[in-house]
């Protein structure tokens, strides 16, 4: 397809004087998503590996602390409604995005400093011990991720609502494809940069409960990796990337809302912002049974897609004997696969199959991918794991594009922030449960099976089953029913506000 044809396809049928949205502008907007991809690598791709494999923190505790940033997901609904009804500096979305970005980039660095204090305690105690000091620093680490989650909600939910504001139904899957492709670009870049900056940590030790660990490379007993060895490269990484991410957030949102947003022309509440309160917005949100069906689908699909986040890097380390730099770069293989899946699905698959069938195809392919990841463990070949992770990313990209495009169709324009907050709530709750469940199931698997491959395989097998359940729920989703119910509810709520 020629670039001119693509520009024409993506250009919006704009009311009034709103200009057409060009491809280069959509790519610039996607820089914010690219930044989120980098931050995901820092928290779920690096911190979980360091806490579990290098510091000797139990997988359930480490994953649970990180998951706290997703357990505060109900804040997404509130921030979404606030961005609908309470603009900051005259802007409904932009300044929420920017203020949130300041928060989560700063807090990410602070969380790492708390992690070092907890790691120092473990080395002093000769392993993980339950005592008052350990509990205090664990609670503080969890609090850091709570604050991280709140600031992330304040930023990402209004950003997703902005995508609804600037797009139309006919081109939404293409906009989603480009913007979410940038998320994957961020994951790839984060994985590559992380791998480069962490190359100095070449031969990590897994702590076995005492002062002695064993090398992932040679299998010989060695002392656990010292905090001094870990701190310098990881602190540098958590300084450089967050600064880059904040700069990307500023650039991505520069002038977009003022020039391209259709919120004012679409929303009947724009001229009387107090009319649709949070309570009334939730009434609209719950007007259709389709909201509940799709909410449940998002929960199960997201849970099944991301349970491996807390265990994939340790899987590469323990089963495939890969160092930190190599397991961090697994995210790059996953990201490249997802990037191809996301960037092509909106243009090639969705127009042919439709959004709902595309999501079902993606879920099926993801289930198959988890079977291949388990199989790769029996061969213990790092290159095979890299290839399978790439295929998993490809399937995840197809699933993500289909689901997000469908999600934006199941969003009422006048209360876009609230609806996006609800969908974000479903996804974040599922990500939280996925993160902590992955660690918990791994610990259970270690108790049940003597083989690490089977212990990790239990996690991946449960994910495959969940994807099959998600496909069954998708069969019950009906966009037209949702739109009819929501339109009727909107009329009722606005009449009540006039009364």
Protein backbone atom coordinates (compact mmCIF):
# COMPACT_ATOMS: atom_id res chain seq x y z
CA UNK A 1 0.00 0.00 0.00
CA UNK A 2 1.41 3.38 -0.96
CA UNK A 3 1.98 5.84 1.88
CA UNK A 4 -0.44 8.25 0.29
CA UNK A 5 -3.17 5.61 0.28
CA UNK A 6 -2.42 4.81 3.91
CA UNK A 7 -2.63 8.47 4.87
CA UNK A 8 -5.98 8.72 3.11
CA UNK A 9 -7.26 5.62 4.90
CA UNK A 10 -6.20 6.98 8.30
CA UNK A 11 -7.45 10.51 7.74
CA UNK A 12 -10.52 11.23 9.77
CA UNK A 13 -13.87 12.50 8.58
CA UNK A 14 -13.66 15.61 10.70
CA UNK A 15 -16.46 17.88 11.79
CA UNK A 16 -15.94 21.61 11.51
CA UNK A 17 -12.35 22.79 11.25
CA UNK A 18 -10.63 19.84 12.94
CA UNK A 19 -7.70 18.85 10.68
CA UNK A 20 -6.99 15.37 9.41
CA UNK A 21 -4.83 13.14 11.57
CA UNK A 22 -1.70 12.11 9.66
CA UNK A 23 0.39 9.00 10.13
CA UNK A 24 3.41 10.88 11.49
CA UNK A 25 1.19 12.48 14.13
CA UNK A 26 -0.17 9.11 15.22
CA UNK A 27 3.40 7.80 15.49
CA UNK A 28 4.32 10.84 17.62
CA UNK A 29 1.32 10.20 19.89
CA UNK A 30 2.50 6.61 20.19
CA UNK A 31 5.76 7.79 21.77
CA UNK A 32 3.91 7.82 25.09
CA UNK A 33 3.10 4.15 24.65
CA UNK A 34 6.72 3.52 23.75
CA UNK A 35 7.68 5.02 27.10
CA UNK A 36 5.23 2.75 28.91
CA UNK A 37 6.84 -0.22 27.19
CA UNK A 38 10.22 0.82 28.54
CA UNK A 39 8.81 1.19 32.06
CA UNK A 40 7.24 -2.28 31.82
CA UNK A 41 10.68 -3.74 31.12
CA UNK A 42 12.11 -1.99 34.17
CA UNK A 43 9.47 -3.27 36.58
CA UNK A 44 8.40 -6.66 35.23
CA UNK A 45 11.40 -7.57 33.11
CA UNK A 46 14.26 -6.61 35.44
CA UNK A 47 13.11 -5.98 39.03
CA UNK A 48 11.27 -9.29 39.29
CA UNK A 49 14.36 -11.18 38.04
CA UNK A 50 16.68 -9.33 40.45
CA UNK A 51 14.41 -9.83 43.46
CA UNK A 52 13.72 -13.53 42.82
CA UNK A 53 17.01 -14.77 41.36
CA UNK A 54 19.65 -12.42 42.77
CA UNK A 55 18.29 -11.22 46.12
CA UNK A 56 16.58 -14.47 47.10
CA UNK A 57 13.15 -12.93 47.76
CA UNK A 58 10.40 -15.60 47.50
CA UNK A 59 8.62 -15.40 44.13
CA UNK A 60 5.22 -14.82 45.76
CA UNK A 61 6.54 -11.88 47.82
CA UNK A 62 8.42 -10.29 44.91
CA UNK A 63 5.55 -10.68 42.46
CA UNK A 64 3.05 -9.53 45.09
CA UNK A 65 4.97 -6.30 45.76
CA UNK A 66 5.20 -5.48 42.06
CA UNK A 67 1.54 -6.38 41.56
CA UNK A 68 0.46 -3.68 44.01
CA UNK A 69 0.72 -1.11 41.23
CA UNK A 70 -2.09 -2.96 39.48
CA UNK A 71 -4.25 -3.59 42.54
CA UNK A 72 -4.95 0.15 42.73
CA UNK A 73 -6.68 -0.12 39.34
CA UNK A 74 -10.04 1.24 40.64
CA UNK A 75 -8.33 4.65 40.53
CA UNK A 76 -8.46 4.36 36.73
CA UNK A 77 -12.23 4.81 36.70
CA UNK A 78 -11.94 7.90 38.89
CA UNK A 79 -9.14 9.44 36.83
CA UNK A 80 -11.05 8.65 33.65
CA UNK A 81 -14.17 10.38 34.93
CA UNK A 82 -12.09 13.32 36.19
CA UNK A 83 -10.51 13.77 32.78
CA UNK A 84 -14.02 13.76 31.28
CA UNK A 85 -15.40 16.39 33.63
CA UNK A 86 -12.51 18.30 35.25
CA UNK A 87 -9.96 19.66 32.77
CA UNK A 88 -6.57 20.78 34.11
CA UNK A 89 -5.32 24.00 32.55
CA UNK A 90 -8.15 23.88 30.03
CA UNK A 91 -7.19 20.39 28.78
CA UNK A 92 -9.22 17.24 29.49
CA UNK A 93 -6.44 14.73 28.83
CA UNK A 94 -2.98 16.25 28.22
CA UNK A 95 -2.06 17.54 31.67
CA UNK A 96 -3.31 14.38 33.39
CA UNK A 97 -0.93 12.42 31.15
CA UNK A 98 2.01 14.69 31.90
CA UNK A 99 1.54 14.96 35.67
CA UNK A 100 1.13 11.20 35.92
CA UNK A 101 4.33 10.69 33.92
CA UNK A 102 6.29 12.82 36.38
CA UNK A 103 4.95 10.67 39.21
CA UNK A 104 5.61 7.18 37.90
CA UNK A 105 9.10 7.92 36.58
CA UNK A 106 10.25 9.34 39.94
CA UNK A 107 8.62 6.61 42.03
CA UNK A 108 10.19 3.84 39.93
CA UNK A 109 13.66 5.00 40.97
CA UNK A 110 12.63 5.28 44.63
CA UNK A 111 11.24 1.72 44.57
CA UNK A 112 14.65 0.41 43.50
CA UNK A 113 16.32 2.10 46.46
CA UNK A 114 13.87 0.40 48.83
CA UNK A 115 14.60 -2.91 47.10
CA UNK A 116 18.32 -2.53 47.88
CA UNK A 117 17.57 -2.10 51.59
CA UNK A 118 15.50 -5.27 51.56
CA UNK A 119 18.25 -7.09 49.67
CA UNK A 120 20.84 -5.96 52.23
CA UNK A 121 18.71 -7.41 55.03
CA UNK A 122 18.49 -10.76 53.24
CA UNK A 123 22.27 -10.93 52.85
CA UNK A 124 22.79 -9.99 56.52
CA UNK A 125 20.28 -12.64 57.63
CA UNK A 126 21.80 -15.25 55.34
CA UNK A 127 18.51 -15.72 53.51
CA UNK A 128 14.84 -14.71 53.70
CA UNK A 129 13.62 -14.41 57.31
CA UNK A 130 10.28 -13.16 58.60
CA UNK A 131 11.01 -10.45 61.16
CA UNK A 132 9.86 -6.92 61.93
CA UNK A 133 12.52 -5.20 59.84
CA UNK A 134 11.94 -7.43 56.82
CA UNK A 135 8.19 -6.84 57.01
CA UNK A 136 8.71 -3.08 57.28
CA UNK A 137 10.84 -2.84 54.14
CA UNK A 138 8.57 -5.25 52.25
CA UNK A 139 5.55 -3.08 53.15
CA UNK A 140 7.44 0.06 52.05
CA UNK A 141 8.34 -1.58 48.75
CA UNK A 142 4.67 -2.48 48.22
CA UNK A 143 3.71 1.12 49.05
CA UNK A 144 6.12 2.40 46.40
CA UNK A 145 4.33 0.28 43.82
CA UNK A 146 0.94 1.48 45.07
CA UNK A 147 2.00 5.07 44.39
CA UNK A 148 3.50 3.97 41.08
CA UNK A 149 0.16 2.44 40.11
CA UNK A 150 -1.85 5.53 41.07
CA UNK A 151 0.36 7.85 39.02
CA UNK A 152 0.33 5.38 36.13
CA UNK A 153 -3.49 5.34 36.23
CA UNK A 154 -3.58 9.15 36.24
CA UNK A 155 -1.52 9.14 33.05
CA UNK A 156 -2.47 6.10 30.99
CA UNK A 157 -6.28 6.24 31.33
CA UNK A 158 -6.65 9.83 30.03
CA UNK A 159 -4.20 8.92 27.24
CA UNK A 160 -6.38 6.02 26.10
CA UNK A 161 -9.44 8.29 26.29
CA UNK A 162 -7.56 10.76 24.09
CA UNK A 163 -7.34 8.04 21.42
CA UNK A 164 -11.13 7.79 21.47
CA UNK A 165 -11.37 11.60 21.23
CA UNK A 166 -9.20 11.80 18.11
CA UNK A 167 -10.42 8.72 16.22
CA UNK A 168 -13.51 7.40 14.48
CA UNK A 169 -14.93 3.87 14.39
CA UNK A 170 -13.88 3.25 10.76
CA UNK A 171 -10.17 3.91 11.37
CA UNK A 172 -9.85 3.00 15.05
CA UNK A 173 -8.17 -0.37 14.47
CA UNK A 174 -5.49 1.30 12.37
CA UNK A 175 -4.87 3.99 15.03
CA UNK A 176 -4.69 1.27 17.68
CA UNK A 177 -2.31 -0.75 15.51
CA UNK A 178 0.14 2.13 15.13
CA UNK A 179 -0.03 3.40 18.73
CA UNK A 180 0.22 -0.04 20.33
CA UNK A 181 3.04 -0.90 17.94
CA UNK A 182 4.95 1.88 19.64
CA UNK A 183 4.37 0.12 22.97
CA UNK A 184 6.13 -2.90 21.56
CA UNK A 185 8.92 -0.71 20.18
CA UNK A 186 9.41 0.53 23.73
CA UNK A 187 9.59 -3.02 25.05
CA UNK A 188 12.16 -3.94 22.40
CA UNK A 189 14.24 -0.82 23.09
CA UNK A 190 13.96 -1.35 26.84
CA UNK A 191 15.05 -4.96 26.49
CA UNK A 192 18.04 -4.07 24.31
CA UNK A 193 19.16 -1.08 26.41
CA UNK A 194 18.65 -3.07 29.60
CA UNK A 195 20.69 -5.94 28.22
CA UNK A 196 23.54 -3.56 27.28
CA UNK A 197 23.61 -1.72 30.61
CA UNK A 198 23.41 -4.95 32.60
CA UNK A 199 26.12 -6.89 30.75
CA UNK A 200 28.46 -6.36 33.69
CA UNK A 201 26.29 -8.78 35.69
CA UNK A 202 27.42 -11.83 33.76
CA UNK A 203 27.12 -14.83 36.05
CA UNK A 204 24.35 -14.43 38.65
CA UNK A 205 23.77 -16.71 41.61
CA UNK A 206 20.44 -18.01 42.77
CA UNK A 207 20.26 -17.85 46.57
CA UNK A 208 19.27 -21.20 48.05
CA UNK A 209 18.35 -20.02 51.55
CA UNK A 210 21.82 -19.78 53.12
CA UNK A 211 24.97 -17.86 52.40
CA UNK A 212 25.74 -20.07 49.41
CA UNK A 213 24.10 -19.99 45.99
CA UNK A 214 24.89 -21.72 42.71
CA UNK A 215 26.01 -20.36 39.37
CA UNK A 216 23.49 -20.39 36.55
CA UNK A 217 26.38 -20.88 34.11
CA UNK A 218 28.69 -23.44 35.74
CA UNK A 219 26.47 -24.96 38.43
CA UNK A 220 29.27 -24.47 40.98
CA UNK A 221 28.57 -23.14 44.45
CA UNK A 222 29.38 -19.45 44.79
CA UNK A 223 28.49 -16.53 47.00
CA UNK A 224 25.31 -14.66 46.01
CA UNK A 225 25.78 -11.70 43.71
CA UNK A 226 26.89 -8.76 45.84
CA UNK A 227 24.69 -5.72 46.12
CA UNK A 228 27.57 -3.54 44.97
CA UNK A 229 27.78 -5.49 41.72
CA UNK A 230 24.04 -5.09 41.12
CA UNK A 231 23.45 -1.53 42.31
CA UNK A 232 25.59 0.52 39.95
CA UNK A 233 24.25 -0.74 36.57
CA UNK A 234 20.65 -1.04 37.77
CA UNK A 235 20.59 2.42 39.37
CA UNK A 236 22.04 3.83 36.15
CA UNK A 237 19.34 2.07 34.13
CA UNK A 238 16.58 3.37 36.43
CA UNK A 239 17.92 6.91 36.05
CA UNK A 240 18.43 7.06 32.30
CA UNK A 241 15.27 5.33 31.02
CA UNK A 242 12.73 7.17 33.25
CA UNK A 243 14.16 10.52 32.11
CA UNK A 244 13.77 9.41 28.49
CA UNK A 245 10.21 8.22 29.19
CA UNK A 246 9.18 11.58 30.65
CA UNK A 247 10.58 13.40 27.63
CA UNK A 248 8.61 11.08 25.33
CA UNK A 249 5.38 11.80 27.25
CA UNK A 250 5.87 15.54 26.76
CA UNK A 251 6.60 15.19 23.05
CA UNK A 252 3.74 12.74 22.42
CA UNK A 253 1.05 15.01 23.83
CA UNK A 254 2.37 18.34 22.51
CA UNK A 255 -0.54 20.17 20.81
CA UNK A 256 -2.54 16.99 20.08
CA UNK A 257 -5.61 17.67 22.19
CA UNK A 258 -5.98 21.28 21.07
CA UNK A 259 -5.70 20.41 17.40
CA UNK A 260 -7.34 16.99 16.95
CA UNK A 261 -9.71 16.24 19.84
CA UNK A 262 -13.42 15.79 19.06
CA UNK A 263 -14.39 15.58 22.72
CA UNK A 264 -16.20 18.93 22.79
CA UNK A 265 -18.28 18.23 19.68
CA UNK A 266 -19.12 14.67 20.78
CA UNK A 267 -19.78 15.09 24.47
CA UNK A 268 -23.05 16.58 25.58
CA UNK A 269 -21.43 17.13 28.97
CA UNK A 270 -18.60 19.27 27.65
CA UNK A 271 -20.49 22.56 28.15
CA UNK A 272 -21.79 21.58 31.58
CA UNK A 273 -19.07 19.50 33.12
CA UNK A 274 -20.83 18.86 36.42
CA UNK A 275 -23.77 17.11 34.71
CA UNK A 276 -22.25 13.64 34.40
CA UNK A 277 -20.88 12.85 37.84
CA UNK A 278 -18.98 9.68 38.65
CA UNK A 279 -22.18 8.05 39.90
CA UNK A 280 -24.08 8.90 36.72
CA UNK A 281 -21.16 7.80 34.56
CA UNK A 282 -21.13 4.42 36.31
CA UNK A 283 -24.89 4.17 35.73
CA UNK A 284 -24.24 4.55 32.00
CA UNK A 285 -21.34 2.13 32.27
CA UNK A 286 -23.52 -0.61 33.79
CA UNK A 287 -26.55 -0.05 31.58
CA UNK A 288 -25.76 -2.99 29.28
CA UNK A 289 -25.07 -6.60 30.23
CA UNK A 290 -22.48 -6.50 27.46
CA UNK A 291 -20.30 -4.35 29.73
CA UNK A 292 -20.13 -7.19 32.25
CA UNK A 293 -19.47 -9.82 29.58
CA UNK A 294 -16.65 -7.84 28.00
CA UNK A 295 -15.25 -6.88 31.42
CA UNK A 296 -15.04 -10.58 32.30
CA UNK A 297 -13.43 -11.40 28.96
CA UNK A 298 -10.78 -8.73 29.52
CA UNK A 299 -10.09 -10.10 32.99
CA UNK A 300 -9.56 -13.68 31.85
CA UNK A 301 -7.77 -12.81 28.61
CA UNK A 302 -5.34 -10.45 30.34
CA UNK A 303 -4.78 -12.83 33.26
CA UNK A 304 -4.02 -15.66 30.85
CA UNK A 305 -1.76 -13.50 28.70
CA UNK A 306 0.44 -12.10 31.46
CA UNK A 307 0.83 -14.77 34.18
CA UNK A 308 4.26 -15.51 32.72
CA UNK A 309 5.52 -11.94 33.28
CA UNK A 310 6.87 -12.67 36.76
CA UNK A 311 8.38 -16.04 35.83
CA UNK A 312 9.62 -15.92 32.22
CA UNK A 313 13.01 -14.39 33.05
CA UNK A 314 13.60 -16.75 36.02
CA UNK A 315 12.51 -19.59 33.69
CA UNK A 316 15.25 -18.59 31.26
CA UNK A 317 17.76 -18.38 34.10
CA UNK A 318 16.93 -21.56 35.99
CA UNK A 319 15.99 -23.92 33.16
CA UNK A 320 18.05 -22.53 30.25
CA UNK A 321 21.01 -21.20 32.32
CA UNK A 322 20.80 -17.71 30.77
CA UNK A 323 22.43 -14.69 32.52
CA UNK A 324 20.47 -11.52 33.38
CA UNK A 325 21.41 -9.71 30.16
CA UNK A 326 20.11 -12.62 28.07
CA UNK A 327 16.83 -13.05 29.97
CA UNK A 328 16.22 -9.29 29.83
CA UNK A 329 16.58 -9.51 26.06
CA UNK A 330 13.83 -12.13 25.92
CA UNK A 331 11.56 -9.11 26.19
CA UNK A 332 13.06 -7.84 22.95
CA UNK A 333 12.14 -11.07 21.14
CA UNK A 334 8.63 -10.95 22.61
CA UNK A 335 8.36 -7.27 21.76
CA UNK A 336 9.48 -7.73 18.16
CA UNK A 337 6.92 -10.49 17.66
CA UNK A 338 4.19 -8.40 19.24
CA UNK A 339 5.24 -5.37 17.21
CA UNK A 340 4.79 -7.30 13.96
CA UNK A 341 1.48 -8.73 15.21
CA UNK A 342 0.07 -5.37 16.32
CA UNK A 343 1.31 -3.34 13.35
CA UNK A 344 -0.05 -5.73 10.73
CA UNK A 345 -3.27 -6.93 12.36
CA UNK A 346 -5.09 -3.60 12.13
CA UNK A 347 -4.42 -3.38 8.39
CA UNK A 348 -4.46 -7.01 7.25
CA UNK A 349 -6.47 -9.21 9.63
CA UNK A 350 -9.15 -6.99 11.21
CA UNK A 351 -10.49 -5.71 7.83
CA UNK A 352 -10.90 -9.34 6.69
CA UNK A 353 -12.07 -11.14 9.84
CA UNK A 354 -13.52 -8.32 11.93
CA UNK A 355 -12.44 -7.28 15.43
CA UNK A 356 -14.19 -10.06 17.32
CA UNK A 357 -12.91 -12.96 15.18
CA UNK A 358 -9.42 -11.43 15.20
CA UNK A 359 -9.40 -11.47 19.00
CA UNK A 360 -10.56 -15.12 18.99
CA UNK A 361 -7.81 -16.11 16.54
CA UNK A 362 -5.23 -14.38 18.69
CA UNK A 363 -6.39 -16.14 21.87
CA UNK A 364 -6.14 -19.53 20.14
CA UNK A 365 -2.61 -18.82 18.88
CA UNK A 366 -1.52 -17.66 22.34
CA UNK A 367 -2.74 -20.96 23.84
CA UNK A 368 -0.66 -22.87 21.28
CA UNK A 369 2.36 -20.67 22.06
CA UNK A 370 2.30 -21.60 25.73
CA UNK A 371 2.40 -25.26 24.77
CA UNK A 372 5.51 -24.54 22.70
CA UNK A 373 7.15 -22.64 25.59
CA UNK A 374 6.69 -25.71 27.82
CA UNK A 375 8.10 -27.97 25.10
CA UNK A 376 11.16 -25.72 24.68
CA UNK A 377 12.02 -26.28 28.34
CA UNK A 378 12.69 -29.96 27.76
CA UNK A 379 15.32 -29.11 25.12
CA UNK A 380 17.00 -26.40 27.26
CA UNK A 381 18.06 -24.49 24.15
CA UNK A 382 18.19 -20.68 24.66
CA UNK A 383 17.86 -20.07 20.90
CA UNK A 384 14.74 -22.25 20.78
CA UNK A 385 13.24 -20.33 23.70
CA UNK A 386 13.97 -17.04 21.93
CA UNK A 387 12.17 -18.26 18.80
CA UNK A 388 9.15 -19.51 20.72
CA UNK A 389 8.94 -16.25 22.70
CA UNK A 390 8.94 -14.40 19.36
CA UNK A 391 5.98 -16.52 18.16
CA UNK A 392 4.21 -15.89 21.47
CA UNK A 393 4.69 -12.16 20.94
CA UNK A 394 3.22 -12.42 17.44
CA UNK A 395 0.11 -14.17 18.79
CA UNK A 396 -0.14 -11.65 21.64
CA UNK A 397 -0.05 -8.80 19.11
CA UNK A 398 -2.99 -10.24 17.18
CA UNK A 399 -4.95 -10.72 20.42
CA UNK A 400 -4.15 -7.23 21.69
CA UNK A 401 -5.17 -5.41 18.50
CA UNK A 402 -8.44 -7.30 18.18
CA UNK A 403 -9.34 -6.83 21.86
CA UNK A 404 -8.40 -3.14 22.07
CA UNK A 405 -10.22 -2.27 18.84
CA UNK A 406 -13.30 -4.04 20.19
CA UNK A 407 -12.84 -2.27 23.53
CA UNK A 408 -12.87 1.17 21.93
CA UNK A 409 -16.08 0.28 20.08
CA UNK A 410 -17.58 -0.63 23.46
CA UNK A 411 -16.96 2.91 24.73
CA UNK A 412 -19.48 5.76 24.91
CA UNK A 413 -17.91 8.95 23.51
CA UNK A 414 -19.53 11.30 26.04
CA UNK A 415 -18.04 9.36 28.95
CA UNK A 416 -14.97 7.96 27.20
CA UNK A 417 -12.69 8.49 30.18
CA UNK A 418 -14.98 6.55 32.50
CA UNK A 419 -15.37 3.65 30.06
CA UNK A 420 -11.64 3.52 29.36
CA UNK A 421 -11.11 3.61 33.11
CA UNK A 422 -13.40 0.59 33.50
CA UNK A 423 -11.63 -1.36 30.77
CA UNK A 424 -8.31 -0.31 32.27
CA UNK A 425 -9.59 -1.49 35.65
CA UNK A 426 -10.34 -4.93 34.22
CA UNK A 427 -6.94 -5.17 32.60
CA UNK A 428 -5.01 -3.84 35.58
CA UNK A 429 -6.82 -6.12 38.03
CA UNK A 430 -6.02 -9.03 35.77
CA UNK A 431 -2.38 -7.93 35.41
CA UNK A 432 -2.13 -7.71 39.20
CA UNK A 433 -3.64 -11.16 39.67
CA UNK A 434 -1.48 -12.46 36.82
CA UNK A 435 1.73 -11.15 38.36
CA UNK A 436 1.10 -12.50 41.84
CA UNK A 437 -0.54 -15.72 40.54
CA UNK A 438 2.45 -16.44 38.35
CA UNK A 439 4.75 -16.31 41.36
CA UNK A 440 2.34 -18.28 43.55
CA UNK A 441 1.74 -21.03 40.96
CA UNK A 442 5.50 -21.30 40.44
CA UNK A 443 6.03 -21.80 44.18
CA UNK A 444 3.26 -24.44 44.21
CA UNK A 445 4.79 -26.11 41.14
CA UNK A 446 8.13 -26.33 42.90
CA UNK A 447 6.43 -28.15 45.79
CA UNK A 448 4.59 -30.54 43.45
CA UNK A 449 7.30 -31.31 40.90
CA UNK A 450 11.01 -32.03 41.35
CA UNK A 451 11.72 -30.79 37.81
CA UNK A 452 11.96 -26.99 37.25
CA UNK A 453 10.54 -27.48 33.73
CA UNK A 454 7.34 -28.97 35.16
CA UNK A 455 7.11 -26.34 37.91
CA UNK A 456 7.29 -23.48 35.38
CA UNK A 457 5.20 -25.50 32.92
CA UNK A 458 2.30 -25.45 35.39
CA UNK A 459 2.14 -21.67 35.00
CA UNK A 460 2.14 -21.79 31.20
CA UNK A 461 -0.43 -24.64 31.08
CA UNK A 462 -2.91 -22.65 33.20
CA UNK A 463 -2.48 -19.70 30.84
CA UNK A 464 -3.37 -21.86 27.83
CA UNK A 465 -6.55 -23.07 29.55
CA UNK A 466 -7.52 -19.49 30.38
CA UNK A 467 -7.24 -18.47 26.74
CA UNK A 468 -9.73 -21.16 25.74
CA UNK A 469 -12.18 -19.80 28.33
CA UNK A 470 -11.67 -16.28 26.91
CA UNK A 471 -12.64 -17.51 23.44
CA UNK A 472 -15.92 -18.87 24.84
CA UNK A 473 -16.72 -15.47 26.40
CA UNK A 474 -16.00 -13.63 23.14
CA UNK A 475 -18.83 -15.57 21.48
CA UNK A 476 -21.27 -13.74 23.77
CA UNK A 477 -20.08 -10.17 23.02
CA UNK A 478 -22.55 -8.07 20.96
CA UNK A 479 -21.46 -4.52 20.07
CA UNK A 480 -24.85 -3.42 18.70
CA UNK A 481 -26.64 -4.44 21.87
CA UNK A 482 -24.13 -2.46 23.90
CA UNK A 483 -24.51 0.68 21.78
CA UNK A 484 -28.32 0.57 21.93
CA UNK A 485 -28.38 0.09 25.70
CA UNK A 486 -25.80 2.80 26.34
CA UNK A 487 -27.56 5.36 24.14
CA UNK A 488 -30.79 4.81 26.04
CA UNK A 489 -29.01 5.11 29.39
CA UNK A 490 -27.27 8.31 28.29
CA UNK A 491 -30.59 9.91 27.39
CA UNK A 492 -32.05 8.95 30.77
CA UNK A 493 -29.09 10.27 32.77
CA UNK A 494 -28.99 13.59 30.94
CA UNK A 495 -32.73 14.01 31.47
CA UNK A 496 -32.20 13.40 35.19
CA UNK A 497 -29.46 16.03 35.27
CA UNK A 498 -31.83 18.57 33.69
CA UNK A 499 -34.56 17.72 36.19
